[in-house]
Structures are given as structure tokens and as C-alpha cells.
Amino acid sequence: MRWPFDVASPAEGKRGVTIRKILLSIVVGTLCLPAAALAMSDAHPMPEWMAGTWSHTDEKGWSEEYWTPLRADIMLGSSRSGTADTLTFWEQMRIQKEDDGAVVLWATSADQKPVRFEAHMSGPSVVVFENPEHDYPQRIHYWREGKTLKAEISMMDDSKKVAFRFRLKKR
């Protein structure tokens, strides 16, 4: 039985190419596109779980980190640390989804130029940003455990590791 849309191609002889086969291929391909696009766009989701006011104080000094909630594919952050009333370090940061879908952390320490770190691993409460071309750090690893935000900076081979721990002050 032939469908009304079946059309035999003279080049293919009796086998023929049917419009039905072509339409079926188009429909199946079209149905797969949204799933593939979604998988690519969510390869590294934005780390919304980092939003909040975070701080740490001990005998060595204090440190604070602030992350805005996600809006328009960007989270803005800032960090500062010091001892007593003396500021010893500050940094401005942003995490954004770029046009190609990459999730990127841009960090500007003190008066330095912004440095780009791309997300290479992420999960529901973890993200690892890397830039093997940067002098230090080359890897920035954030993860959350309840009301604690932890971070480590290091070289790509995990040497020169420095750890940070912040408690959530407010969301």
C-alpha cells in the first residue's frame, strides 16, 4: 500500500524515497533539537546556591564574600579581608553565562586586570573554575555544605592550595 505522499525518485528506481520518510526524519530531528540544546545550555548551571552574605572571623582576622542572586545570567560578587580595621585584600567578581553557554568567573583583585576562569565541573552545590594560563590561582573551587560556603584556590596540580570557609549571614 502506498501513501498518497509517496514519491519514487527516478534515480533510486523501485526503492524510491518517500515524502513520508523525509517528513518522519524531519519530525524526529526536530524533536531531538530542544533536548540537545537544553543539555548544552545546562552543561554547567549557574551556581545560584552561592548567593548570600558570607563571613569568617578568627584570631588571624576577618573575611567576607558577597554574591547577588542570579539575574539576567549574571551574579555579582565582592570579597574583602583584613585584620581589625585594616583592609589587606579586596576583589570584585562576576559569574556569567557567555553567549556560547560557558559559565565563567571573572575576578579582579585590587587594581589588577580582570582574569577569566571557566567552569569545568559543577553540580547542585559545587563549581570548579579553571584557567591554566594564569599565574596564581589557576583553579578556584567553591562548594556549599549547609550554611557554610567553602572555597579553595590552587594551581592546576593542586599545589599551593589555600582554603577558605564562610558562614551564611543572610540570604
C-alpha atoms as a PDB file:
ATOM      1  CA  MET A   1       0.000   0.000   0.000  1.00  0.00           C
ATOM      2  CA  ARG A   2       1.352   3.411  -0.916  1.00  0.00           C
ATOM      3  CA  TRP A   3       0.579   6.595   0.900  1.00  0.00           C
ATOM      4  CA  PRO A   4      -0.622   9.486  -1.213  1.00  0.00           C
ATOM      5  CA  PHE A   5       2.628  11.306  -0.379  1.00  0.00           C
ATOM      6  CA  ASP A   6       4.962   8.515  -1.537  1.00  0.00           C
ATOM      7  CA  VAL A   7       7.119   9.691  -4.402  1.00  0.00           C
ATOM      8  CA  ALA A   8       9.656   7.475  -6.111  1.00  0.00           C
ATOM      9  CA  SER A   9      12.894   9.075  -7.178  1.00  0.00           C
ATOM     10  CA  PRO A  10      13.851   8.051 -10.705  1.00  0.00           C
ATOM     11  CA  ALA A  11      17.497   7.783  -9.602  1.00  0.00           C
ATOM     12  CA  GLU A  12      16.576   5.184  -6.978  1.00  0.00           C
ATOM     13  CA  GLY A  13      14.416   3.013  -9.161  1.00  0.00           C
ATOM     14  CA  LYS A  14      11.886   0.814  -7.390  1.00  0.00           C
ATOM     15  CA  ARG A  15      13.042   1.559  -3.809  1.00  0.00           C
ATOM     16  CA  GLY A  16      12.153   5.212  -4.033  1.00  0.00           C
ATOM     17  CA  VAL A  17      12.341   7.968  -1.436  1.00  0.00           C
ATOM     18  CA  THR A  18       9.046   8.785   0.146  1.00  0.00           C
ATOM     19  CA  ILE A  19       7.862  12.096   1.432  1.00  0.00           C
ATOM     20  CA  ARG A  20       6.664  10.146   4.472  1.00  0.00           C
ATOM     21  CA  LYS A  21      10.250   9.058   5.230  1.00  0.00           C
ATOM     22  CA  ILE A  22      11.520  12.576   4.757  1.00  0.00           C
ATOM     23  CA  LEU A  23       8.798  14.028   6.990  1.00  0.00           C
ATOM     24  CA  LEU A  24       9.475  11.388   9.643  1.00  0.00           C
ATOM     25  CA  SER A  25      13.193  12.278   9.611  1.00  0.00           C
ATOM     26  CA  ILE A  26      12.391  15.973   9.951  1.00  0.00           C
ATOM     27  CA  VAL A  27       9.966  15.378  12.838  1.00  0.00           C
ATOM     28  CA  VAL A  28      12.378  13.107  14.748  1.00  0.00           C
ATOM     29  CA  GLY A  29      15.272  15.520  14.184  1.00  0.00           C
ATOM     30  CA  THR A  30      13.187  18.489  15.295  1.00  0.00           C
ATOM     31  CA  LEU A  31      12.064  16.707  18.472  1.00  0.00           C
ATOM     32  CA  CYS A  32      15.682  15.954  19.389  1.00  0.00           C
ATOM     33  CA  LEU A  33      16.938  19.534  18.924  1.00  0.00           C
ATOM     34  CA  PRO A  34      15.369  21.068  22.077  1.00  0.00           C
ATOM     35  CA  ALA A  35      16.760  18.268  24.254  1.00  0.00           C
ATOM     36  CA  ALA A  36      20.235  18.664  22.759  1.00  0.00           C
ATOM     37  CA  ALA A  37      20.122  22.450  23.154  1.00  0.00           C
ATOM     38  CA  LEU A  38      18.958  22.116  26.768  1.00  0.00           C
ATOM     39  CA  ALA A  39      21.734  19.636  27.544  1.00  0.00           C
ATOM     40  CA  MET A  40      24.323  22.010  26.080  1.00  0.00           C
ATOM     41  CA  SER A  41      22.967  25.097  27.825  1.00  0.00           C
ATOM     42  CA  ASP A  42      22.831  23.366  31.211  1.00  0.00           C
ATOM     43  CA  ALA A  43      26.231  21.673  30.942  1.00  0.00           C
ATOM     44  CA  HIS A  44      27.314  23.935  33.804  1.00  0.00           C
ATOM     45  CA  PRO A  45      24.366  25.572  35.546  1.00  0.00           C
ATOM     46  CA  MET A  46      24.833  28.916  37.234  1.00  0.00           C
ATOM     47  CA  PRO A  47      25.808  28.445  40.919  1.00  0.00           C
ATOM     48  CA  GLU A  48      22.737  30.141  42.391  1.00  0.00           C
ATOM     49  CA  TRP A  49      23.420  28.377  45.702  1.00  0.00           C
ATOM     50  CA  MET A  50      26.338  30.822  46.280  1.00  0.00           C
ATOM     51  CA  ALA A  51      24.033  33.854  46.644  1.00  0.00           C
ATOM     52  CA  GLY A  52      24.224  35.488  50.049  1.00  0.00           C
ATOM     53  CA  THR A  53      26.366  37.312  52.568  1.00  0.00           C
ATOM     54  CA  TRP A  54      29.181  35.100  53.831  1.00  0.00           C
ATOM     55  CA  SER A  55      31.758  35.841  56.536  1.00  0.00           C
ATOM     56  CA  HIS A  56      34.512  34.310  58.626  1.00  0.00           C
ATOM     57  CA  THR A  57      36.363  35.650  61.670  1.00  0.00           C
ATOM     58  CA  ASP A  58      39.161  34.031  63.677  1.00  0.00           C
ATOM     59  CA  GLU A  59      42.347  35.030  65.525  1.00  0.00           C
ATOM     60  CA  LYS A  60      44.077  35.803  62.192  1.00  0.00           C
ATOM     61  CA  GLY A  61      41.453  38.296  61.014  1.00  0.00           C
ATOM     62  CA  TRP A  62      38.214  38.501  59.072  1.00  0.00           C
ATOM     63  CA  SER A  63      36.983  37.851  55.569  1.00  0.00           C
ATOM     64  CA  GLU A  64      33.681  38.478  53.819  1.00  0.00           C
ATOM     65  CA  GLU A  65      32.240  37.448  50.489  1.00  0.00           C
ATOM     66  CA  TYR A  66      29.013  38.687  48.928  1.00  0.00           C
ATOM     67  CA  TRP A  67      27.147  37.155  45.971  1.00  0.00           C
ATOM     68  CA  THR A  68      23.991  38.600  44.439  1.00  0.00           C
ATOM     69  CA  PRO A  69      21.166  36.325  43.350  1.00  0.00           C
ATOM     70  CA  LEU A  70      21.195  35.290  39.695  1.00  0.00           C
ATOM     71  CA  ARG A  71      19.523  37.783  37.402  1.00  0.00           C
ATOM     72  CA  ALA A  72      19.908  38.186  33.622  1.00  0.00           C
ATOM     73  CA  ASP A  73      22.503  35.350  33.549  1.00  0.00           C
ATOM     74  CA  ILE A  74      24.912  37.149  35.900  1.00  0.00           C
ATOM     75  CA  MET A  75      25.845  37.021  39.582  1.00  0.00           C
ATOM     76  CA  LEU A  76      27.935  39.870  41.014  1.00  0.00           C
ATOM     77  CA  GLY A  77      30.351  39.254  43.858  1.00  0.00           C
ATOM     78  CA  SER A  78      32.814  41.028  46.073  1.00  0.00           C
ATOM     79  CA  SER A  79      35.280  39.902  48.676  1.00  0.00           C
ATOM     80  CA  ARG A  80      37.388  41.639  51.282  1.00  0.00           C
ATOM     81  CA  SER A  81      39.574  40.560  54.171  1.00  0.00           C
ATOM     82  CA  GLY A  82      41.699  42.141  56.835  1.00  0.00           C
ATOM     83  CA  THR A  83      42.745  42.389  60.448  1.00  0.00           C
ATOM     84  CA  ALA A  84      40.949  44.633  62.928  1.00  0.00           C
ATOM     85  CA  ASP A  85      40.257  47.851  60.974  1.00  0.00           C
ATOM     86  CA  THR A  86      42.892  47.232  58.285  1.00  0.00           C
ATOM     87  CA  LEU A  87      41.886  46.020  54.825  1.00  0.00           C
ATOM     88  CA  THR A  88      44.502  43.588  53.486  1.00  0.00           C
ATOM     89  CA  PHE A  89      42.772  42.335  50.327  1.00  0.00           C
ATOM     90  CA  TRP A  90      39.741  43.076  48.134  1.00  0.00           C
ATOM     91  CA  GLU A  91      38.327  41.622  44.964  1.00  0.00           C
ATOM     92  CA  GLN A  92      35.414  42.201  42.577  1.00  0.00           C
ATOM     93  CA  MET A  93      33.920  39.218  40.784  1.00  0.00           C
ATOM     94  CA  ARG A  94      31.164  38.217  38.431  1.00  0.00           C
ATOM     95  CA  ILE A  95      29.872  34.861  37.291  1.00  0.00           C
ATOM     96  CA  GLN A  96      28.093  34.986  33.971  1.00  0.00           C
ATOM     97  CA  LYS A  97      26.826  32.787  31.219  1.00  0.00           C
ATOM     98  CA  GLU A  98      28.512  33.841  27.989  1.00  0.00           C
ATOM     99  CA  ASP A  99      26.961  33.755  24.513  1.00  0.00           C
ATOM    100  CA  ASP A 100      28.371  30.272  23.829  1.00  0.00           C
ATOM    101  CA  GLY A 101      26.778  28.948  27.055  1.00  0.00           C
ATOM    102  CA  ALA A 102      30.033  28.798  29.026  1.00  0.00           C
ATOM    103  CA  VAL A 103      29.750  29.699  32.716  1.00  0.00           C
ATOM    104  CA  VAL A 104      32.657  31.994  33.546  1.00  0.00           C
ATOM    105  CA  LEU A 105      34.033  33.648  36.682  1.00  0.00           C
ATOM    106  CA  TRP A 106      35.752  36.990  36.087  1.00  0.00           C
ATOM    107  CA  ALA A 107      37.880  38.107  39.050  1.00  0.00           C
ATOM    108  CA  THR A 108      39.599  41.451  39.549  1.00  0.00           C
ATOM    109  CA  SER A 109      41.912  41.630  42.572  1.00  0.00           C
ATOM    110  CA  ALA A 110      42.893  45.031  43.923  1.00  0.00           C
ATOM    111  CA  ASP A 111      43.861  47.106  40.871  1.00  0.00           C
ATOM    112  CA  GLN A 112      44.706  44.207  38.553  1.00  0.00           C
ATOM    113  CA  LYS A 113      43.148  43.378  35.173  1.00  0.00           C
ATOM    114  CA  PRO A 114      40.131  41.002  35.175  1.00  0.00           C
ATOM    115  CA  VAL A 115      41.046  37.313  34.872  1.00  0.00           C
ATOM    116  CA  ARG A 116      38.737  34.771  33.223  1.00  0.00           C
ATOM    117  CA  PHE A 117      38.144  31.340  34.797  1.00  0.00           C
ATOM    118  CA  GLU A 118      35.815  28.912  33.012  1.00  0.00           C
ATOM    119  CA  ALA A 119      33.637  26.353  34.822  1.00  0.00           C
ATOM    120  CA  HIS A 120      34.982  22.850  34.183  1.00  0.00           C
ATOM    121  CA  MET A 121      32.970  20.926  36.758  1.00  0.00           C
ATOM    122  CA  SER A 122      29.730  21.728  38.536  1.00  0.00           C
ATOM    123  CA  GLY A 123      26.900  20.136  40.456  1.00  0.00           C
ATOM    124  CA  PRO A 124      23.999  21.061  42.741  1.00  0.00           C
ATOM    125  CA  SER A 125      26.356  22.614  45.330  1.00  0.00           C
ATOM    126  CA  VAL A 126      29.812  22.643  43.740  1.00  0.00           C
ATOM    127  CA  VAL A 127      31.596  24.509  40.958  1.00  0.00           C
ATOM    128  CA  VAL A 128      35.230  24.469  39.813  1.00  0.00           C
ATOM    129  CA  PHE A 129      36.608  27.278  37.655  1.00  0.00           C
ATOM    130  CA  GLU A 130      39.968  26.934  35.882  1.00  0.00           C
ATOM    131  CA  ASN A 131      42.481  28.999  33.937  1.00  0.00           C
ATOM    132  CA  PRO A 132      45.737  27.067  33.393  1.00  0.00           C
ATOM    133  CA  GLU A 133      47.356  30.154  31.783  1.00  0.00           C
ATOM    134  CA  HIS A 134      47.006  32.324  34.915  1.00  0.00           C
ATOM    135  CA  ASP A 135      49.972  32.634  37.289  1.00  0.00           C
ATOM    136  CA  TYR A 136      48.003  32.047  40.519  1.00  0.00           C
ATOM    137  CA  PRO A 137      45.485  30.783  41.220  1.00  0.00           C
ATOM    138  CA  GLN A 138      44.742  28.509  38.273  1.00  0.00           C
ATOM    139  CA  ARG A 139      41.833  26.709  39.910  1.00  0.00           C
ATOM    140  CA  ILE A 140      39.023  28.145  42.067  1.00  0.00           C
ATOM    141  CA  HIS A 141      36.796  25.556  43.728  1.00  0.00           C
ATOM    142  CA  TYR A 142      33.590  26.550  45.560  1.00  0.00           C
ATOM    143  CA  TRP A 143      31.226  24.202  47.360  1.00  0.00           C
ATOM    144  CA  ARG A 144      28.461  24.549  49.891  1.00  0.00           C
ATOM    145  CA  GLU A 145      27.772  22.415  52.940  1.00  0.00           C
ATOM    146  CA  GLY A 146      24.549  23.600  54.571  1.00  0.00           C
ATOM    147  CA  LYS A 147      25.117  27.170  55.775  1.00  0.00           C
ATOM    148  CA  THR A 148      28.844  27.013  55.048  1.00  0.00           C
ATOM    149  CA  LEU A 149      30.451  28.170  51.808  1.00  0.00           C
ATOM    150  CA  LYS A 150      33.898  26.670  51.264  1.00  0.00           C
ATOM    151  CA  ALA A 151      36.471  27.687  48.699  1.00  0.00           C
ATOM    152  CA  GLU A 152      39.934  26.581  47.685  1.00  0.00           C
ATOM    153  CA  ILE A 153      42.350  28.222  45.320  1.00  0.00           C
ATOM    154  CA  SER A 154      45.299  26.301  43.897  1.00  0.00           C
ATOM    155  CA  MET A 155      47.458  25.545  40.925  1.00  0.00           C
ATOM    156  CA  MET A 156      46.174  23.031  38.350  1.00  0.00           C
ATOM    157  CA  ASP A 157      48.188  20.254  40.041  1.00  0.00           C
ATOM    158  CA  ASP A 158      46.556  21.116  43.432  1.00  0.00           C
ATOM    159  CA  SER A 159      49.783  22.631  44.784  1.00  0.00           C
ATOM    160  CA  LYS A 160      49.778  25.959  46.661  1.00  0.00           C
ATOM    161  CA  LYS A 161      46.308  25.196  47.992  1.00  0.00           C
ATOM    162  CA  VAL A 162      44.658  27.830  50.198  1.00  0.00           C
ATOM    163  CA  ALA A 163      41.294  27.088  51.828  1.00  0.00           C
ATOM    164  CA  PHE A 164      38.519  29.478  52.896  1.00  0.00           C
ATOM    165  CA  ARG A 165      35.396  28.874  54.935  1.00  0.00           C
ATOM    166  CA  PHE A 166      32.480  31.279  55.307  1.00  0.00           C
ATOM    167  CA  ARG A 167      29.245  31.094  57.313  1.00  0.00           C
ATOM    168  CA  LEU A 168      25.995  32.345  55.786  1.00  0.00           C
ATOM    169  CA  LYS A 169      24.934  35.610  57.457  1.00  0.00           C
ATOM    170  CA  LYS A 170      21.898  36.372  55.296  1.00  0.00           C
ATOM    171  CA  ARG A 171      20.434  35.365  52.005  1.00  0.00           C
END
